[in-house]
């Protein structure tokens, strides 16, 4: 049963990846882990991620980390850990519908591989019911096939794969060139399918054909000002900027446009993420984050000013007491000069201490800090200008 049940999930991954980056540390670390090679490498990355960000209530990416551990442990045939992480992912919730349906299917298949027929059937039925309610036909079909196999029902003749399933298989197997050739052989109806086109564009990126990917998405964006198309262009130009930093300008502009269009489409979470991404990369363009890191590492401690109030108070008390004593001692005769010298000496000490209280220690870091603050203000002003330009371009 193990082999058959594993094969049943061949299309689970189609459409599961997300073209998104969140420039908070949690988002960056999640994206880094996600780009690792599926299997032991990505498992290790996400296990570490969960240790570093253990609270799913504060970080949505922690929930997604459990999803990817479920997928990778399943594909590695470690069904016990696939079950453990899958049930954790279900308990936490917050997944997109297709990911949630996929976890139900993995749990059913994993329990089946572990010879627990009752639980396998329960999860398969849940996958069927949930997938049908959400209109996720491919997973509903796989879950039904799993349930039939668990019940011992005779297998139905395999149906020919759809165009989406064919190109999806190629993408999952990282056969990008073959997938690109396959897309070019499709008729116009298949080429116009949003999901097929999405996979095709990812294959172009995976094959390193970034210029071709730019052309495809630029054409799509020109025809339809959708946020997702602007976001894709932003990510492609970001990839190009790794070799040529000048491409950051276009990446930032498209990310801002994506954020504004997501706002128009009332997708507030993606709006916030894309605008935050754009601002982060604008700061990166000027190496500002590195400058802050360097400043924090080399900043010199400022010696605090020590208050003289206590000593001044003591000397003033001493001065007043001596003055009273001398007044009583020299009632009818003039006070000698050496006695006055005693008072003058104490008064001089008090004056020096008071002057010291008014002198602030020189901050050796202030000049650098002020320059960084000026640069921050300039970058923020530039970001506002870019936002205004994008709004004007989009007619918002």
Protein backbone atom coordinates (compact mmCIF):
# COMPACT_ATOMS: atom_id res chain seq x y z
CA UNK A 1 0.00 0.00 0.00
CA UNK A 2 2.83 2.44 0.76
CA UNK A 3 3.95 2.91 -2.83
CA UNK A 4 0.47 3.45 -4.23
CA UNK A 5 -0.54 5.92 -1.53
CA UNK A 6 2.56 8.03 -2.04
CA UNK A 7 2.03 8.24 -5.79
CA UNK A 8 -1.47 9.58 -5.20
CA UNK A 9 -0.06 12.96 -4.10
CA UNK A 10 1.90 13.79 -7.23
CA UNK A 11 -0.06 16.98 -7.89
CA UNK A 12 -0.32 18.22 -4.34
CA UNK A 13 2.31 20.90 -4.73
CA UNK A 14 0.89 22.69 -7.77
CA UNK A 15 0.20 26.28 -6.87
CA UNK A 16 1.40 25.93 -3.28
CA UNK A 17 4.40 28.25 -3.49
CA UNK A 18 3.85 31.94 -2.84
CA UNK A 19 5.56 34.85 -4.56
CA UNK A 20 5.97 36.84 -1.41
CA UNK A 21 8.56 38.23 0.91
CA UNK A 22 8.04 39.82 4.20
CA UNK A 23 10.98 42.07 5.11
CA UNK A 24 10.57 41.59 8.86
CA UNK A 25 13.24 39.18 10.11
CA UNK A 26 10.67 36.42 10.47
CA UNK A 27 9.58 36.88 6.87
CA UNK A 28 13.13 36.99 5.53
CA UNK A 29 14.13 33.87 7.47
CA UNK A 30 10.98 32.08 6.28
CA UNK A 31 11.73 32.93 2.65
CA UNK A 32 15.32 31.75 3.11
CA UNK A 33 14.14 28.43 4.54
CA UNK A 34 11.57 28.01 1.78
CA UNK A 35 14.20 28.34 -0.94
CA UNK A 36 16.20 25.43 0.46
CA UNK A 37 16.15 22.17 -1.47
CA UNK A 38 13.15 20.03 -0.52
CA UNK A 39 14.00 17.17 1.82
CA UNK A 40 16.59 17.07 4.64
CA UNK A 41 17.97 20.54 3.84
CA UNK A 42 14.60 22.27 4.02
CA UNK A 43 13.49 20.14 6.98
CA UNK A 44 16.53 21.31 8.94
CA UNK A 45 15.88 24.93 7.94
CA UNK A 46 12.26 24.87 9.10
CA UNK A 47 13.03 22.96 12.31
CA UNK A 48 15.50 25.74 13.14
CA UNK A 49 12.96 28.37 12.09
CA UNK A 50 10.36 27.05 14.53
CA UNK A 51 12.93 27.09 17.34
CA UNK A 52 13.73 30.73 16.56
CA UNK A 53 10.08 31.77 16.10
CA UNK A 54 8.10 29.40 18.35
CA UNK A 55 4.96 31.50 18.84
CA UNK A 56 2.47 31.06 15.96
CA UNK A 57 0.14 33.60 17.56
CA UNK A 58 2.66 36.34 16.79
CA UNK A 59 4.05 34.99 13.51
CA UNK A 60 1.90 33.48 10.75
CA UNK A 61 5.02 32.04 9.08
CA UNK A 62 5.45 29.61 11.99
CA UNK A 63 2.14 28.01 10.99
CA UNK A 64 3.35 27.69 7.41
CA UNK A 65 6.62 26.17 8.64
CA UNK A 66 4.63 23.24 10.07
CA UNK A 67 2.94 22.85 6.68
CA UNK A 68 6.26 22.57 4.86
CA UNK A 69 7.63 20.14 7.44
CA UNK A 70 4.54 18.00 6.83
CA UNK A 71 5.18 18.02 3.07
CA UNK A 72 8.92 17.33 3.29
CA UNK A 73 8.64 14.60 5.92
CA UNK A 74 5.94 12.95 3.80
CA UNK A 75 8.04 13.13 0.65
CA UNK A 76 10.95 11.69 2.67
CA UNK A 77 8.66 8.79 3.70
CA UNK A 78 8.96 9.70 7.38
CA UNK A 79 5.25 9.23 7.94
CA UNK A 80 5.29 9.51 11.74
CA UNK A 81 6.79 12.99 11.60
CA UNK A 82 4.55 13.93 8.68
CA UNK A 83 1.56 13.02 10.88
CA UNK A 84 2.93 14.89 13.90
CA UNK A 85 3.57 18.10 11.96
CA UNK A 86 0.42 17.79 9.87
CA UNK A 87 -1.82 17.51 12.93
CA UNK A 88 0.02 20.46 14.47
CA UNK A 89 -0.57 22.51 11.31
CA UNK A 90 -4.28 21.62 11.37
CA UNK A 91 -4.57 22.53 15.06
CA UNK A 92 -2.94 25.93 14.48
CA UNK A 93 -5.13 26.73 11.46
CA UNK A 94 -4.68 29.85 9.35
CA UNK A 95 -3.64 28.04 6.15
CA UNK A 96 -4.97 28.83 2.71
CA UNK A 97 -7.71 26.44 1.64
CA UNK A 98 -5.58 24.48 -0.84
CA UNK A 99 -2.77 24.02 1.67
CA UNK A 100 -5.23 22.89 4.34
CA UNK A 101 -6.82 20.39 1.95
CA UNK A 102 -3.36 19.12 1.06
CA UNK A 103 -2.51 18.51 4.72
CA UNK A 104 -5.71 16.47 5.16
CA UNK A 105 -4.70 14.37 2.16
CA UNK A 106 -1.14 13.88 3.44
CA UNK A 107 -2.47 12.81 6.84
CA UNK A 108 -4.79 10.28 5.21
CA UNK A 109 -2.00 8.89 3.05
CA UNK A 110 0.50 8.83 5.95
CA UNK A 111 -1.88 6.94 8.23
CA UNK A 112 -2.56 4.57 5.35
CA UNK A 113 1.16 3.96 4.87
CA UNK A 114 1.38 3.25 8.63
CA UNK A 115 -1.44 0.66 8.31
CA UNK A 116 -3.89 2.71 10.39
CA UNK A 117 -6.86 2.28 8.07
CA UNK A 118 -9.47 3.92 10.31
CA UNK A 119 -7.60 7.20 10.73
CA UNK A 120 -6.51 7.13 7.10
CA UNK A 121 -10.14 6.87 6.00
CA UNK A 122 -11.21 9.64 8.40
CA UNK A 123 -8.66 12.08 6.99
CA UNK A 124 -9.37 11.05 3.40
CA UNK A 125 -13.08 11.76 3.92
CA UNK A 126 -12.25 15.10 5.52
CA UNK A 127 -10.05 15.96 2.53
CA UNK A 128 -12.89 15.05 0.14
CA UNK A 129 -15.53 17.06 2.00
CA UNK A 130 -13.32 20.12 2.54
CA UNK A 131 -11.94 20.15 -1.02
CA UNK A 132 -15.39 19.91 -2.57
CA UNK A 133 -16.67 22.75 -0.38
CA UNK A 134 -13.76 24.94 -1.50
CA UNK A 135 -13.84 23.93 -5.15
CA UNK A 136 -10.42 22.24 -5.07
CA UNK A 137 -11.13 19.52 -7.59
CA UNK A 138 -7.66 17.99 -7.96
CA UNK A 139 -7.25 17.23 -4.25
CA UNK A 140 -10.85 16.03 -3.95
CA UNK A 141 -10.14 13.57 -6.77
CA UNK A 142 -6.93 12.31 -5.15
CA UNK A 143 -8.61 11.98 -1.76
CA UNK A 144 -11.44 9.97 -3.32
CA UNK A 145 -8.90 7.69 -4.99
CA UNK A 146 -7.20 7.21 -1.62
CA UNK A 147 -10.49 6.38 0.08
CA UNK A 148 -11.38 3.90 -2.67
CA UNK A 149 -8.01 2.21 -2.29
CA UNK A 150 -8.41 2.01 1.48
CA UNK A 151 -11.83 0.41 1.06
CA UNK A 152 -10.53 -2.08 -1.49
CA UNK A 153 -12.68 -0.71 -4.32
CA UNK A 154 -11.55 -1.52 -7.83
CA UNK A 155 -9.46 1.22 -9.42
CA UNK A 156 -10.98 3.25 -12.20
CA UNK A 157 -9.02 3.53 -15.42
CA UNK A 158 -6.59 6.43 -15.21
CA UNK A 159 -7.78 9.55 -17.00
CA UNK A 160 -5.39 11.47 -19.24
CA UNK A 161 -3.61 14.27 -17.40
CA UNK A 162 -4.86 17.79 -17.98
CA UNK A 163 -2.54 20.49 -19.30
CA UNK A 164 -2.33 21.95 -15.79
CA UNK A 165 -1.36 18.57 -14.33
CA UNK A 166 1.26 17.98 -17.01
CA UNK A 167 3.05 21.30 -16.62
CA UNK A 168 2.61 21.07 -12.84
CA UNK A 169 4.46 17.75 -12.78
CA UNK A 170 7.29 19.21 -14.84
CA UNK A 171 7.58 22.17 -12.48
CA UNK A 172 7.58 20.01 -9.34
CA UNK A 173 10.34 17.87 -10.87
CA UNK A 174 12.32 21.05 -11.69
CA UNK A 175 12.25 20.19 -15.40
CA UNK A 176 11.92 23.85 -16.27
CA UNK A 177 13.07 23.70 -19.89
CA UNK A 178 10.67 20.85 -20.67
CA UNK A 179 7.84 22.72 -18.96
CA UNK A 180 8.58 25.83 -21.04
CA UNK A 181 8.51 23.80 -24.26
CA UNK A 182 5.26 22.17 -23.14
CA UNK A 183 3.65 25.56 -22.49
CA UNK A 184 4.62 26.74 -25.96
CA UNK A 185 2.83 23.69 -27.40
CA UNK A 186 -0.45 24.47 -25.61
CA UNK A 187 -3.39 26.07 -27.40
CA UNK A 188 -4.42 29.63 -26.61
CA UNK A 189 -7.07 28.54 -24.13
CA UNK A 190 -4.52 26.73 -21.95
CA UNK A 191 -2.01 29.56 -22.29
CA UNK A 192 -4.66 31.99 -21.04
CA UNK A 193 -5.29 29.94 -17.90
CA UNK A 194 -3.97 31.97 -14.92
CA UNK A 195 -2.60 28.95 -13.02
CA UNK A 196 -0.87 27.46 -16.07
CA UNK A 197 0.63 30.85 -16.90
CA UNK A 198 1.80 31.24 -13.29
CA UNK A 199 3.64 27.90 -13.42
CA UNK A 200 5.11 28.77 -16.81
CA UNK A 201 6.47 32.07 -15.50
CA UNK A 202 8.00 30.32 -12.48
CA UNK A 203 9.68 27.88 -14.85
CA UNK A 204 11.18 30.80 -16.78
CA UNK A 205 12.58 32.15 -13.52
CA UNK A 206 13.75 28.71 -12.41
CA UNK A 207 15.55 28.25 -15.73
CA UNK A 208 17.28 31.60 -15.26
CA UNK A 209 15.41 33.18 -18.19
CA UNK A 210 14.65 36.35 -16.27
CA UNK A 211 14.43 38.61 -19.32
CA UNK A 212 11.83 36.32 -20.88
CA UNK A 213 9.94 36.24 -17.57
CA UNK A 214 9.96 40.05 -17.47
CA UNK A 215 8.51 40.22 -20.98
CA UNK A 216 5.73 37.73 -20.19
CA UNK A 217 4.68 39.48 -16.99
CA UNK A 218 5.09 42.97 -18.42
CA UNK A 219 2.70 42.00 -21.23
CA UNK A 220 0.26 40.51 -18.71
CA UNK A 221 0.51 43.62 -16.52
CA UNK A 222 -0.09 45.92 -19.47
CA UNK A 223 -3.27 44.00 -20.30
CA UNK A 224 -4.48 43.79 -16.71
CA UNK A 225 -3.32 46.03 -13.85
CA UNK A 226 -3.51 43.29 -11.24
CA UNK A 227 -1.49 43.48 -8.03
CA UNK A 228 -0.17 39.94 -8.45
CA UNK A 229 1.38 40.81 -11.84
CA UNK A 230 3.13 43.85 -10.37
CA UNK A 231 4.36 41.74 -7.46
CA UNK A 232 5.76 39.11 -9.84
CA UNK A 233 7.62 41.78 -11.81
CA UNK A 234 9.00 43.19 -8.57
CA UNK A 235 10.33 39.77 -7.58
CA UNK A 236 11.87 39.10 -11.00
CA UNK A 237 13.69 42.44 -11.00
CA UNK A 238 14.79 41.72 -7.43
CA UNK A 239 16.37 38.48 -8.68
CA UNK A 240 18.07 40.41 -11.50
CA UNK A 241 19.41 42.96 -8.99
CA UNK A 242 21.61 40.28 -7.40
CA UNK A 243 23.89 40.65 -10.42
CA UNK A 244 23.16 44.29 -11.21
CA UNK A 245 22.03 46.51 -8.33
CA UNK A 246 20.55 49.07 -10.73
CA UNK A 247 17.55 46.75 -11.19
CA UNK A 248 16.53 47.52 -7.60
CA UNK A 249 14.85 50.72 -8.81
CA UNK A 250 12.37 48.80 -10.97
CA UNK A 251 11.86 46.16 -8.29
CA UNK A 252 11.01 48.83 -5.71
CA UNK A 253 8.66 50.65 -8.11
CA UNK A 254 6.75 47.48 -8.97
CA UNK A 255 6.52 46.47 -5.31
CA UNK A 256 5.01 49.86 -4.47
CA UNK A 257 2.55 49.52 -7.36
CA UNK A 258 1.65 46.03 -6.15
CA UNK A 259 1.02 47.35 -2.64
CA UNK A 260 -1.24 50.12 -3.92
CA UNK A 261 -3.15 47.72 -6.18
CA UNK A 262 -3.58 45.25 -3.32
CA UNK A 263 -5.06 48.16 -1.35
CA UNK A 264 -7.48 48.76 -4.21
CA UNK A 265 -8.31 45.04 -4.23
CA UNK A 266 -8.89 45.24 -0.44
CA UNK A 267 -6.12 42.75 0.34
CA UNK A 268 -4.69 44.59 3.35
CA UNK A 269 -2.17 41.93 4.41
CA UNK A 270 -0.49 41.81 0.99
CA UNK A 271 -0.70 45.61 0.74
CA UNK A 272 1.24 46.02 3.99
CA UNK A 273 3.78 43.32 3.07
CA UNK A 274 4.56 44.75 -0.37
CA UNK A 275 4.93 48.35 0.81
CA UNK A 276 7.15 47.16 3.64
CA UNK A 277 9.21 45.16 1.14
CA UNK A 278 9.61 48.19 -1.10
CA UNK A 279 10.78 50.41 1.75
CA UNK A 280 13.23 47.76 2.96
CA UNK A 281 14.86 47.45 -0.47
CA UNK A 282 14.98 51.23 -0.87
CA UNK A 283 17.04 51.36 2.33
CA UNK A 284 19.15 48.47 1.01
CA UNK A 285 19.77 50.39 -2.21
CA UNK A 286 21.71 52.97 -0.19
CA UNK A 287 23.31 50.36 2.11
CA UNK A 288 21.57 52.10 5.00
CA UNK A 289 20.92 48.90 6.95
CA UNK A 290 24.62 48.01 6.76
CA UNK A 291 25.55 51.52 7.92
CA UNK A 292 23.26 51.18 10.94
CA UNK A 293 24.75 47.79 11.76
CA UNK A 294 28.26 49.21 11.51
CA UNK A 295 27.30 52.22 13.64
CA UNK A 296 25.82 50.01 16.36
CA UNK A 297 28.93 47.82 16.37
CA UNK A 298 31.39 50.72 16.66
CA UNK A 299 29.44 53.20 18.78
CA UNK A 300 31.50 54.52 21.68
CA UNK A 301 29.95 54.80 25.14
CA UNK A 302 29.36 58.34 26.33
CA UNK A 303 30.64 59.07 29.81
CA UNK A 304 27.70 60.35 31.83
CA UNK A 305 27.92 63.71 33.59
CA UNK A 306 28.28 63.19 37.36
CA UNK A 307 26.05 65.48 39.39
CA UNK A 308 27.83 67.78 41.88
CA UNK A 309 24.69 68.71 43.76
CA UNK A 310 25.52 66.67 46.85
CA UNK A 311 29.01 68.17 47.21
CA UNK A 312 27.70 71.69 46.53
CA UNK A 313 25.12 71.23 49.26
CA UNK A 314 27.80 70.07 51.72
CA UNK A 315 30.10 73.01 50.94
CA UNK A 316 27.23 75.48 51.15
CA UNK A 317 26.39 74.13 54.60
CA UNK A 318 30.06 74.46 55.59
CA UNK A 319 30.17 78.02 54.22
CA UNK A 320 27.00 79.09 56.08
CA UNK A 321 28.22 77.56 59.36
CA UNK A 322 31.63 79.24 59.11
CA UNK A 323 30.01 82.55 58.26
CA UNK A 324 27.78 82.35 61.38
CA UNK A 325 30.71 81.37 63.59
CA UNK A 326 32.81 84.27 62.31
CA UNK A 327 29.92 86.70 62.79
CA UNK A 328 29.63 85.67 66.43
CA UNK A 329 33.41 85.76 66.92
CA UNK A 330 33.99 89.19 65.44
CA UNK A 331 31.02 91.18 66.70
CA UNK A 332 32.74 94.44 67.65
CA UNK A 333 35.93 94.22 65.63
CA UNK A 334 36.74 93.87 61.97
CA UNK A 335 37.19 90.28 60.74
CA UNK A 336 40.83 89.55 59.80
CA UNK A 337 41.67 88.90 56.15
CA UNK A 338 42.77 85.30 56.72
CA UNK A 339 39.27 84.49 58.03
CA UNK A 340 37.70 86.01 54.92
CA UNK A 341 40.09 83.91 52.83
CA UNK A 342 38.52 80.78 54.34
CA UNK A 343 35.08 81.87 53.17
CA UNK A 344 36.37 82.86 49.73
CA UNK A 345 38.06 79.48 49.27
CA UNK A 346 34.83 77.60 50.01
CA UNK A 347 32.86 79.89 47.70
CA UNK A 348 35.37 79.30 44.90
CA UNK A 349 34.91 75.53 45.26
CA UNK A 350 31.13 75.93 45.09
CA UNK A 351 31.37 78.08 41.95
CA UNK A 352 33.57 75.53 40.17
CA UNK A 353 31.22 72.68 41.00
CA UNK A 354 28.20 74.64 39.78
CA UNK A 355 29.99 75.42 36.51
CA UNK A 356 30.80 71.71 36.08
CA UNK A 357 27.12 70.79 36.39
CA UNK A 358 26.32 72.94 33.38
CA UNK A 359 28.92 71.28 31.11
CA UNK A 360 27.61 68.30 29.12
CA UNK A 361 29.98 65.57 28.05
CA UNK A 362 30.84 65.62 24.38
CA UNK A 363 29.17 62.74 22.50
CA UNK A 364 31.70 61.25 20.05
CA UNK A 365 28.85 59.51 18.20
CA UNK A 366 26.62 62.51 17.62
CA UNK A 367 28.08 63.55 14.26
CA UNK A 368 27.63 60.08 12.71
CA UNK A 369 24.19 59.68 14.28
CA UNK A 370 23.04 63.00 12.87
CA UNK A 371 24.24 62.05 9.39
CA UNK A 372 22.34 58.75 9.61
CA UNK A 373 19.21 60.55 10.73
CA UNK A 374 19.50 62.98 7.81
CA UNK A 375 19.90 60.08 5.39
CA UNK A 376 16.90 58.31 6.90
CA UNK A 377 14.78 61.43 6.42
CA UNK A 378 15.95 61.68 2.81
CA UNK A 379 15.11 58.02 2.09
CA UNK A 380 11.67 58.38 3.70
CA UNK A 381 11.04 61.45 1.55
CA UNK A 382 12.12 59.52 -1.55
CA UNK A 383 9.78 56.66 -0.63
CA UNK A 384 6.88 59.11 -0.33
CA UNK A 385 7.75 60.57 -3.74
CA UNK A 386 7.83 57.08 -5.29
CA UNK A 387 4.42 56.36 -3.72
CA UNK A 388 2.99 59.57 -5.17
CA UNK A 389 4.41 58.76 -8.60
CA UNK A 390 2.95 55.24 -8.50
CA UNK A 391 -0.48 56.55 -7.49
CA UNK A 392 -0.42 59.00 -10.39
CA UNK A 393 0.67 56.27 -12.83
CA UNK A 394 -2.10 53.92 -11.67
CA UNK A 395 -4.72 56.67 -11.52
CA UNK A 396 -5.35 56.11 -7.81
